[in-house]
Amino acid sequence: MAKAVNSTTKDTKVNSILITQPKPDSDKSPYYELAKKYDLKLDFHPFIRVEGLSGKEFRKQRIDIAEHTAIIFNSRNAVDNFFRICDELKVKVSQDMKYFCITEAVALYLQKFILYRKRKVFFSADGSVDGLMDVLGKHKSNEKFIVPTTDGNAKNEISQYFTKHGSTFVEATLFRTVSNDITPVMKESYDMIVFFSPFSVNTLMENEPKFKQNGTIIGAFGPTTSKAVEDFGLRLDVKAPAPNAPSMVAALERYLVDQKK
C-alpha cells in the first residue's frame, strides 16, 4: 500500500503526488506547470469510472422527463448522460427547461447541448452546494425538478433541501460509479494523495482496509469529498475550493508555498 514517508505533515517535503483522476489530455494542463515549477513527480490514476445507464435501465425508474421544468446538474457527467439518455429514448427536452448547475464551468458546458441563455441557466456563485441552494431559493417554488443521483443511493443535499421546502422533485439515476483497480499505484510511495469524489475515497478504504495515513498528505476537492475523507477518520490537509484557492491546483500551490516558509 502507499507508504507515508514521515509521521507529520509539517515535516513532509512534497516530492510526489497521486492525482486520483485521469491524466489530462493537454500538455498545457496547469498540473504539469505545477509539477515543473516545484519539481514534483505527478502521477494520475483514476480510482473510479462512470458507466452511464442505458435508456432501458433509465426507463425502469418511470420518470417522464417531459413533465419536469428544471434539472440540477452537479457535474459534466450528469450533463453528458442526461442528454445521451434523452437521445436514446427520443425525448425532446423543452426549450423552457431550466438548468441549475453547481459551478459556472458545468453551466457553460451545457452549450454543447442547448442554446445557452442566461435566463434559463443558473449556477452557484462559489461552486458549493450551499451556493446552489441560495440560487434555488430565489426562484419560484412551482418548478418540477429532476435531481440526478449516482447509483440511486447517494445522500443528496439538494433532495433534502427540496423535501424541507416542500418542492416538487424526483431523483433520477443517470449513471453508476465503479471502482477501478488501484493496486499498481498503491504499491508506490506518495507524499500526497488528492481526491475529487467521495467514491474515490471509498475505493481506497475498500481496497486498502489497512491503509494508515501517518504522514501522507491528503487533499480533497469539493465539500462531499472533504466530508468523506474525514468520515473515514483521515486527516484532511489540503481543501478546495476555498476563497483563496478556487481550484485544486491553486490549493496545492498555496500548500507548497506555505511549506517553504
C-alpha atoms as a PDB file:
ATOM      1  CA  MET A   1       0.000   0.000   0.000  1.00  0.00           C
ATOM      2  CA  ALA A   2       1.043   3.621  -0.327  1.00  0.00           C
ATOM      3  CA  LYS A   3       3.529   4.356   2.419  1.00  0.00           C
ATOM      4  CA  ALA A   4       3.773   7.549   4.405  1.00  0.00           C
ATOM      5  CA  VAL A   5       7.284   8.918   4.353  1.00  0.00           C
ATOM      6  CA  ASN A   6       7.036  10.966   7.530  1.00  0.00           C
ATOM      7  CA  SER A   7       4.994  10.960  10.692  1.00  0.00           C
ATOM      8  CA  THR A   8       3.762  14.544  10.462  1.00  0.00           C
ATOM      9  CA  THR A   9       2.713  16.697   7.526  1.00  0.00           C
ATOM     10  CA  LYS A  10       4.714  19.645   8.885  1.00  0.00           C
ATOM     11  CA  ASP A  11       7.973  17.821   8.202  1.00  0.00           C
ATOM     12  CA  THR A  12       6.863  16.176   4.955  1.00  0.00           C
ATOM     13  CA  LYS A  13       8.553  17.616   1.892  1.00  0.00           C
ATOM     14  CA  VAL A  14       6.212  17.040  -1.016  1.00  0.00           C
ATOM     15  CA  ASN A  15       8.082  15.406  -3.889  1.00  0.00           C
ATOM     16  CA  SER A  16       5.361  13.129  -5.261  1.00  0.00           C
ATOM     17  CA  ILE A  17       1.605  13.494  -5.664  1.00  0.00           C
ATOM     18  CA  LEU A  18      -1.004  10.960  -6.747  1.00  0.00           C
ATOM     19  CA  ILE A  19      -3.966  12.577  -8.510  1.00  0.00           C
ATOM     20  CA  THR A  20      -6.957  10.226  -8.454  1.00  0.00           C
ATOM     21  CA  GLN A  21      -8.227  11.423 -11.838  1.00  0.00           C
ATOM     22  CA  PRO A  22      -7.441  10.574 -15.469  1.00  0.00           C
ATOM     23  CA  LYS A  23      -4.308  12.033 -16.999  1.00  0.00           C
ATOM     24  CA  PRO A  24      -5.024  15.411 -18.648  1.00  0.00           C
ATOM     25  CA  ASP A  25      -5.415  15.349 -22.426  1.00  0.00           C
ATOM     26  CA  SER A  26      -3.387  18.510 -22.918  1.00  0.00           C
ATOM     27  CA  ASP A  27       0.303  19.007 -22.178  1.00  0.00           C
ATOM     28  CA  LYS A  28      -0.652  22.548 -21.176  1.00  0.00           C
ATOM     29  CA  SER A  29      -2.566  21.362 -18.124  1.00  0.00           C
ATOM     30  CA  PRO A  30      -1.898  23.539 -15.047  1.00  0.00           C
ATOM     31  CA  TYR A  31      -0.959  20.325 -13.216  1.00  0.00           C
ATOM     32  CA  TYR A  32       2.082  19.914 -15.463  1.00  0.00           C
ATOM     33  CA  GLU A  33       3.022  23.545 -14.938  1.00  0.00           C
ATOM     34  CA  LEU A  34       2.793  22.988 -11.182  1.00  0.00           C
ATOM     35  CA  ALA A  35       4.953  19.851 -11.407  1.00  0.00           C
ATOM     36  CA  LYS A  36       7.610  21.678 -13.426  1.00  0.00           C
ATOM     37  CA  LYS A  37       7.624  24.723 -11.161  1.00  0.00           C
ATOM     38  CA  TYR A  38       8.047  22.712  -7.944  1.00  0.00           C
ATOM     39  CA  ASP A  39       9.975  19.740  -9.361  1.00  0.00           C
ATOM     40  CA  LEU A  40       7.239  17.230  -8.494  1.00  0.00           C
ATOM     41  CA  LYS A  41       6.608  13.657  -9.518  1.00  0.00           C
ATOM     42  CA  LEU A  42       2.942  13.766 -10.533  1.00  0.00           C
ATOM     43  CA  ASP A  43       1.053  10.551 -11.290  1.00  0.00           C
ATOM     44  CA  PHE A  44      -2.544  10.249 -12.468  1.00  0.00           C
ATOM     45  CA  HIS A  45      -4.672   7.187 -11.799  1.00  0.00           C
ATOM     46  CA  PRO A  46      -8.498   7.391 -11.704  1.00  0.00           C
ATOM     47  CA  PHE A  47      -9.838   5.494  -8.694  1.00  0.00           C
ATOM     48  CA  ILE A  48     -13.316   5.345 -10.220  1.00  0.00           C
ATOM     49  CA  ARG A  49     -15.016   5.343 -13.588  1.00  0.00           C
ATOM     50  CA  VAL A  50     -18.525   6.273 -14.599  1.00  0.00           C
ATOM     51  CA  GLU A  51     -20.818   3.939 -16.528  1.00  0.00           C
ATOM     52  CA  GLY A  52     -23.942   5.506 -17.978  1.00  0.00           C
ATOM     53  CA  LEU A  53     -27.262   3.738 -17.586  1.00  0.00           C
ATOM     54  CA  SER A  54     -28.874   2.579 -20.786  1.00  0.00           C
ATOM     55  CA  GLY A  55     -32.161   4.058 -21.887  1.00  0.00           C
ATOM     56  CA  LYS A  56     -33.822   0.749 -20.994  1.00  0.00           C
ATOM     57  CA  GLU A  57     -32.406   0.892 -17.458  1.00  0.00           C
ATOM     58  CA  PHE A  58     -33.466   4.513 -17.053  1.00  0.00           C
ATOM     59  CA  ARG A  59     -36.995   3.752 -18.248  1.00  0.00           C
ATOM     60  CA  LYS A  60     -37.459   1.370 -15.315  1.00  0.00           C
ATOM     61  CA  GLN A  61     -37.400   4.389 -12.994  1.00  0.00           C
ATOM     62  CA  ARG A  62     -40.684   5.547 -14.585  1.00  0.00           C
ATOM     63  CA  ILE A  63     -39.594   9.174 -14.857  1.00  0.00           C
ATOM     64  CA  ASP A  64     -41.265  11.313 -17.507  1.00  0.00           C
ATOM     65  CA  ILE A  65     -38.645  13.926 -18.365  1.00  0.00           C
ATOM     66  CA  ALA A  66     -41.162  15.977 -20.340  1.00  0.00           C
ATOM     67  CA  GLU A  67     -43.270  16.508 -17.205  1.00  0.00           C
ATOM     68  CA  HIS A  68     -40.462  18.384 -15.452  1.00  0.00           C
ATOM     69  CA  THR A  69     -39.464  22.032 -15.784  1.00  0.00           C
ATOM     70  CA  ALA A  70     -35.997  22.136 -14.209  1.00  0.00           C
ATOM     71  CA  ILE A  71     -32.983  19.926 -13.576  1.00  0.00           C
ATOM     72  CA  ILE A  72     -29.980  20.052 -11.245  1.00  0.00           C
ATOM     73  CA  PHE A  73     -26.507  19.351 -12.668  1.00  0.00           C
ATOM     74  CA  ASN A  74     -23.605  18.819 -10.269  1.00  0.00           C
ATOM     75  CA  SER A  75     -21.125  17.513 -12.854  1.00  0.00           C
ATOM     76  CA  ARG A  76     -20.360  17.242 -16.544  1.00  0.00           C
ATOM     77  CA  ASN A  77     -21.014  13.510 -16.250  1.00  0.00           C
ATOM     78  CA  ALA A  78     -24.591  14.265 -15.276  1.00  0.00           C
ATOM     79  CA  VAL A  79     -24.963  16.609 -18.259  1.00  0.00           C
ATOM     80  CA  ASP A  80     -23.492  14.100 -20.725  1.00  0.00           C
ATOM     81  CA  ASN A  81     -25.600  11.195 -19.527  1.00  0.00           C
ATOM     82  CA  PHE A  82     -28.845  13.160 -19.279  1.00  0.00           C
ATOM     83  CA  PHE A  83     -28.739  14.266 -22.888  1.00  0.00           C
ATOM     84  CA  ARG A  84     -27.442  10.873 -24.060  1.00  0.00           C
ATOM     85  CA  ILE A  85     -30.418   9.165 -22.410  1.00  0.00           C
ATOM     86  CA  CYS A  86     -32.793  11.736 -23.901  1.00  0.00           C
ATOM     87  CA  ASP A  87     -31.376  10.993 -27.367  1.00  0.00           C
ATOM     88  CA  GLU A  88     -31.597   7.247 -26.812  1.00  0.00           C
ATOM     89  CA  LEU A  89     -35.223   7.469 -25.670  1.00  0.00           C
ATOM     90  CA  LYS A  90     -36.026  10.090 -28.328  1.00  0.00           C
ATOM     91  CA  VAL A  91     -37.153  12.544 -25.648  1.00  0.00           C
ATOM     92  CA  LYS A  92     -37.263  16.164 -26.787  1.00  0.00           C
ATOM     93  CA  VAL A  93     -36.194  18.458 -23.957  1.00  0.00           C
ATOM     94  CA  SER A  94     -38.358  21.575 -23.724  1.00  0.00           C
ATOM     95  CA  GLN A  95     -36.724  24.875 -24.674  1.00  0.00           C
ATOM     96  CA  ASP A  96     -38.184  26.239 -21.435  1.00  0.00           C
ATOM     97  CA  MET A  97     -36.319  23.732 -19.253  1.00  0.00           C
ATOM     98  CA  LYS A  98     -34.302  25.478 -16.532  1.00  0.00           C
ATOM     99  CA  TYR A  99     -30.830  24.271 -15.598  1.00  0.00           C
ATOM    100  CA  PHE A 100     -29.310  24.778 -12.133  1.00  0.00           C
ATOM    101  CA  CYS A 101     -25.592  23.942 -12.028  1.00  0.00           C
ATOM    102  CA  ILE A 102     -23.094  23.509  -9.202  1.00  0.00           C
ATOM    103  CA  THR A 103     -20.428  25.620 -10.942  1.00  0.00           C
ATOM    104  CA  GLU A 104     -20.149  28.082 -13.808  1.00  0.00           C
ATOM    105  CA  ALA A 105     -17.933  25.575 -15.646  1.00  0.00           C
ATOM    106  CA  VAL A 106     -20.741  22.997 -15.633  1.00  0.00           C
ATOM    107  CA  ALA A 107     -23.207  25.685 -16.730  1.00  0.00           C
ATOM    108  CA  LEU A 108     -21.015  26.683 -19.677  1.00  0.00           C
ATOM    109  CA  TYR A 109     -20.600  23.013 -20.617  1.00  0.00           C
ATOM    110  CA  LEU A 110     -24.330  22.991 -21.414  1.00  0.00           C
ATOM    111  CA  GLN A 111     -23.507  24.912 -24.596  1.00  0.00           C
ATOM    112  CA  LYS A 112     -22.642  21.548 -26.148  1.00  0.00           C
ATOM    113  CA  PHE A 113     -26.287  20.561 -25.904  1.00  0.00           C
ATOM    114  CA  ILE A 114     -28.535  23.627 -25.738  1.00  0.00           C
ATOM    115  CA  LEU A 115     -28.827  27.191 -26.918  1.00  0.00           C
ATOM    116  CA  TYR A 116     -27.312  28.857 -23.886  1.00  0.00           C
ATOM    117  CA  ARG A 117     -29.475  31.594 -22.427  1.00  0.00           C
ATOM    118  CA  LYS A 118     -28.767  33.337 -19.166  1.00  0.00           C
ATOM    119  CA  ARG A 119     -32.467  33.442 -18.355  1.00  0.00           C
ATOM    120  CA  LYS A 120     -32.661  29.669 -18.028  1.00  0.00           C
ATOM    121  CA  VAL A 121     -29.172  28.616 -16.854  1.00  0.00           C
ATOM    122  CA  PHE A 122     -28.157  29.311 -13.256  1.00  0.00           C
ATOM    123  CA  PHE A 123     -25.152  28.335 -11.148  1.00  0.00           C
ATOM    124  CA  SER A 124     -23.686  28.576  -7.667  1.00  0.00           C
ATOM    125  CA  ALA A 125     -21.527  31.662  -7.253  1.00  0.00           C
ATOM    126  CA  ASP A 126     -18.863  29.840  -5.243  1.00  0.00           C
ATOM    127  CA  GLY A 127     -19.224  26.279  -6.554  1.00  0.00           C
ATOM    128  CA  SER A 128     -20.723  24.989  -3.300  1.00  0.00           C
ATOM    129  CA  VAL A 129     -23.983  23.168  -2.592  1.00  0.00           C
ATOM    130  CA  ASP A 130     -24.933  25.979  -0.202  1.00  0.00           C
ATOM    131  CA  GLY A 131     -24.388  28.470  -3.003  1.00  0.00           C
ATOM    132  CA  LEU A 132     -26.615  26.445  -5.301  1.00  0.00           C
ATOM    133  CA  MET A 133     -29.324  26.291  -2.668  1.00  0.00           C
ATOM    134  CA  ASP A 134     -29.137  30.094  -2.386  1.00  0.00           C
ATOM    135  CA  VAL A 135     -29.821  30.288  -6.126  1.00  0.00           C
ATOM    136  CA  LEU A 136     -32.694  27.814  -5.879  1.00  0.00           C
ATOM    137  CA  GLY A 137     -34.240  29.874  -3.090  1.00  0.00           C
ATOM    138  CA  LYS A 138     -34.579  32.853  -5.434  1.00  0.00           C
ATOM    139  CA  HIS A 139     -36.802  31.003  -7.877  1.00  0.00           C
ATOM    140  CA  LYS A 140     -40.487  30.246  -7.759  1.00  0.00           C
ATOM    141  CA  SER A 141     -41.413  27.087  -5.930  1.00  0.00           C
ATOM    142  CA  ASN A 142     -43.770  25.647  -8.542  1.00  0.00           C
ATOM    143  CA  GLU A 143     -40.951  24.195 -10.658  1.00  0.00           C
ATOM    144  CA  LYS A 144     -40.835  20.411 -11.068  1.00  0.00           C
ATOM    145  CA  PHE A 145     -37.212  19.367 -10.586  1.00  0.00           C
ATOM    146  CA  ILE A 146     -35.167  16.379 -11.708  1.00  0.00           C
ATOM    147  CA  VAL A 147     -32.330  15.704  -9.266  1.00  0.00           C
ATOM    148  CA  PRO A 148     -29.696  13.346 -10.745  1.00  0.00           C
ATOM    149  CA  THR A 149     -28.159  10.947  -8.237  1.00  0.00           C
ATOM    150  CA  THR A 150     -25.401   8.385  -8.520  1.00  0.00           C
ATOM    151  CA  ASP A 151     -26.389   4.736  -8.182  1.00  0.00           C
ATOM    152  CA  GLY A 152     -29.701   5.779  -6.661  1.00  0.00           C
ATOM    153  CA  ASN A 153     -28.471   5.559  -3.071  1.00  0.00           C
ATOM    154  CA  ALA A 154     -26.183   8.518  -2.513  1.00  0.00           C
ATOM    155  CA  LYS A 155     -27.132  11.047   0.130  1.00  0.00           C
ATOM    156  CA  ASN A 156     -28.266  14.123  -1.747  1.00  0.00           C
ATOM    157  CA  GLU A 157     -28.272  17.504  -0.030  1.00  0.00           C
ATOM    158  CA  ILE A 158     -30.378  19.088  -2.772  1.00  0.00           C
ATOM    159  CA  SER A 159     -33.086  16.452  -2.330  1.00  0.00           C
ATOM    160  CA  GLN A 160     -33.060  17.124   1.401  1.00  0.00           C
ATOM    161  CA  TYR A 161     -33.395  20.847   0.672  1.00  0.00           C
ATOM    162  CA  PHE A 162     -36.383  20.258  -1.628  1.00  0.00           C
ATOM    163  CA  THR A 163     -38.062  17.979   0.910  1.00  0.00           C
ATOM    164  CA  LYS A 164     -37.627  20.599   3.631  1.00  0.00           C
ATOM    165  CA  HIS A 165     -39.153  23.325   1.441  1.00  0.00           C
ATOM    166  CA  GLY A 166     -41.951  21.212   0.006  1.00  0.00           C
ATOM    167  CA  SER A 167     -40.688  21.434  -3.579  1.00  0.00           C
ATOM    168  CA  THR A 168     -41.770  19.002  -6.276  1.00  0.00           C
ATOM    169  CA  PHE A 169     -38.866  16.824  -7.403  1.00  0.00           C
ATOM    170  CA  VAL A 170     -37.832  13.353  -8.464  1.00  0.00           C
ATOM    171  CA  GLU A 171     -34.449  11.668  -8.034  1.00  0.00           C
ATOM    172  CA  ALA A 172     -33.090  10.146 -11.235  1.00  0.00           C
ATOM    173  CA  THR A 173     -30.134   7.806 -11.579  1.00  0.00           C
ATOM    174  CA  LEU A 174     -28.279   8.567 -14.826  1.00  0.00           C
ATOM    175  CA  PHE A 175     -25.032   6.672 -14.264  1.00  0.00           C
ATOM    176  CA  ARG A 176     -23.281   4.369 -11.850  1.00  0.00           C
ATOM    177  CA  THR A 177     -19.843   4.733 -10.295  1.00  0.00           C
ATOM    178  CA  VAL A 178     -17.497   1.739 -10.490  1.00  0.00           C
ATOM    179  CA  SER A 179     -14.181   1.260  -8.681  1.00  0.00           C
ATOM    180  CA  ASN A 180     -11.016   0.851 -10.730  1.00  0.00           C
ATOM    181  CA  ASP A 181      -8.083  -1.377  -9.838  1.00  0.00           C
ATOM    182  CA  ILE A 182      -5.802   0.758  -7.664  1.00  0.00           C
ATOM    183  CA  THR A 183      -3.329  -1.987  -6.730  1.00  0.00           C
ATOM    184  CA  PRO A 184      -0.483  -0.750  -9.001  1.00  0.00           C
ATOM    185  CA  VAL A 185      -0.386   2.790  -7.606  1.00  0.00           C
ATOM    186  CA  MET A 186      -0.943   1.775  -4.002  1.00  0.00           C
ATOM    187  CA  LYS A 187       2.318  -0.170  -4.157  1.00  0.00           C
ATOM    188  CA  GLU A 188       4.114   3.121  -4.725  1.00  0.00           C
ATOM    189  CA  SER A 189       5.121   5.754  -2.173  1.00  0.00           C
ATOM    190  CA  TYR A 190       3.432   9.142  -2.471  1.00  0.00           C
ATOM    191  CA  ASP A 191       3.809  12.131  -0.203  1.00  0.00           C
ATOM    192  CA  MET A 192       0.294  13.313  -1.125  1.00  0.00           C
ATOM    193  CA  ILE A 193      -2.924  11.781  -2.460  1.00  0.00           C
ATOM    194  CA  VAL A 194      -5.608  14.060  -3.922  1.00  0.00           C
ATOM    195  CA  PHE A 195      -9.276  13.030  -4.151  1.00  0.00           C
ATOM    196  CA  PHE A 196     -12.074  14.550  -6.223  1.00  0.00           C
ATOM    197  CA  SER A 197     -15.029  12.362  -5.301  1.00  0.00           C
ATOM    198  CA  PRO A 198     -16.293  10.633  -2.155  1.00  0.00           C
ATOM    199  CA  PHE A 199     -16.454   7.453  -4.224  1.00  0.00           C
ATOM    200  CA  SER A 200     -12.686   7.634  -4.776  1.00  0.00           C
ATOM    201  CA  VAL A 201     -12.177   7.768  -1.012  1.00  0.00           C
ATOM    202  CA  ASN A 202     -14.492   4.762  -0.680  1.00  0.00           C
ATOM    203  CA  THR A 203     -12.426   2.910  -3.276  1.00  0.00           C
ATOM    204  CA  LEU A 204      -9.246   3.497  -1.281  1.00  0.00           C
ATOM    205  CA  MET A 205     -10.705   2.274   2.002  1.00  0.00           C
ATOM    206  CA  GLU A 206     -12.475  -0.720   0.451  1.00  0.00           C
ATOM    207  CA  ASN A 207      -9.409  -1.897  -1.455  1.00  0.00           C
ATOM    208  CA  GLU A 208      -6.846  -0.957   1.185  1.00  0.00           C
ATOM    209  CA  PRO A 209      -8.670  -1.513   4.505  1.00  0.00           C
ATOM    210  CA  LYS A 210      -5.354  -1.471   6.380  1.00  0.00           C
ATOM    211  CA  PHE A 211      -4.356   1.897   4.941  1.00  0.00           C
ATOM    212  CA  LYS A 212      -2.673   4.129   7.524  1.00  0.00           C
ATOM    213  CA  GLN A 213      -2.305   7.787   6.694  1.00  0.00           C
ATOM    214  CA  ASN A 214       0.585   8.566   9.020  1.00  0.00           C
ATOM    215  CA  GLY A 215       2.447  11.399   7.261  1.00  0.00           C
ATOM    216  CA  THR A 216       0.699  11.093   3.895  1.00  0.00           C
ATOM    217  CA  ILE A 217      -0.861  14.448   2.988  1.00  0.00           C
ATOM    218  CA  ILE A 218      -4.434  14.239   1.737  1.00  0.00           C
ATOM    219  CA  GLY A 219      -6.177  16.771  -0.451  1.00  0.00           C
ATOM    220  CA  ALA A 220      -9.858  16.872  -1.390  1.00  0.00           C
ATOM    221  CA  PHE A 221     -11.897  18.839  -3.890  1.00  0.00           C
ATOM    222  CA  GLY A 222     -15.491  19.632  -3.007  1.00  0.00           C
ATOM    223  CA  PRO A 223     -17.436  19.516   0.250  1.00  0.00           C
ATOM    224  CA  THR A 224     -18.725  15.946  -0.154  1.00  0.00           C
ATOM    225  CA  THR A 225     -15.225  14.663  -0.883  1.00  0.00           C
ATOM    226  CA  SER A 226     -13.828  16.509   2.132  1.00  0.00           C
ATOM    227  CA  LYS A 227     -16.548  15.034   4.321  1.00  0.00           C
ATOM    228  CA  ALA A 228     -15.815  11.512   3.067  1.00  0.00           C
ATOM    229  CA  VAL A 229     -12.134  11.913   3.953  1.00  0.00           C
ATOM    230  CA  GLU A 230     -12.992  12.997   7.481  1.00  0.00           C
ATOM    231  CA  ASP A 231     -15.763  10.394   7.908  1.00  0.00           C
ATOM    232  CA  PHE A 232     -13.154   7.682   7.352  1.00  0.00           C
ATOM    233  CA  GLY A 233     -11.060   9.185  10.138  1.00  0.00           C
ATOM    234  CA  LEU A 234      -8.404  10.569   7.816  1.00  0.00           C
ATOM    235  CA  ARG A 235      -6.735  13.944   8.263  1.00  0.00           C
ATOM    236  CA  LEU A 236      -7.627  16.495   5.579  1.00  0.00           C
ATOM    237  CA  ASP A 237      -4.629  18.722   4.831  1.00  0.00           C
ATOM    238  CA  VAL A 238      -5.499  20.489   1.562  1.00  0.00           C
ATOM    239  CA  LYS A 239      -9.041  21.582   0.768  1.00  0.00           C
ATOM    240  CA  ALA A 240     -10.577  23.184  -2.328  1.00  0.00           C
ATOM    241  CA  PRO A 241     -12.409  25.165  -3.438  1.00  0.00           C
ATOM    242  CA  ALA A 242     -11.642  27.855  -0.909  1.00  0.00           C
ATOM    243  CA  PRO A 243     -11.866  31.677  -1.017  1.00  0.00           C
ATOM    244  CA  ASN A 244      -8.159  31.896  -1.784  1.00  0.00           C
ATOM    245  CA  ALA A 245      -7.982  28.697  -3.839  1.00  0.00           C
ATOM    246  CA  PRO A 246     -10.868  28.140  -6.282  1.00  0.00           C
ATOM    247  CA  SER A 247      -9.179  25.166  -7.954  1.00  0.00           C
ATOM    248  CA  MET A 248      -7.259  22.144  -6.720  1.00  0.00           C
ATOM    249  CA  VAL A 249      -4.133  23.361  -8.497  1.00  0.00           C
ATOM    250  CA  ALA A 250      -4.379  26.694  -6.670  1.00  0.00           C
ATOM    251  CA  ALA A 251      -4.853  24.915  -3.337  1.00  0.00           C
ATOM    252  CA  LEU A 252      -1.839  22.679  -3.986  1.00  0.00           C
ATOM    253  CA  GLU A 253       0.340  25.645  -4.885  1.00  0.00           C
ATOM    254  CA  ARG A 254      -0.660  27.509  -1.730  1.00  0.00           C
ATOM    255  CA  TYR A 255       0.248  24.430   0.301  1.00  0.00           C
ATOM    256  CA  LEU A 256       3.623  24.104  -1.406  1.00  0.00           C
ATOM    257  CA  VAL A 257       4.374  27.809  -0.907  1.00  0.00           C
ATOM    258  CA  ASP A 258       3.395  27.689   2.767  1.00  0.00           C
ATOM    259  CA  GLN A 259       5.573  24.619   3.199  1.00  0.00           C
ATOM    260  CA  LYS A 260       8.640  26.584   2.186  1.00  0.00           C
ATOM    261  CA  LYS A 261       8.075  29.268   4.822  1.00  0.00           C
END
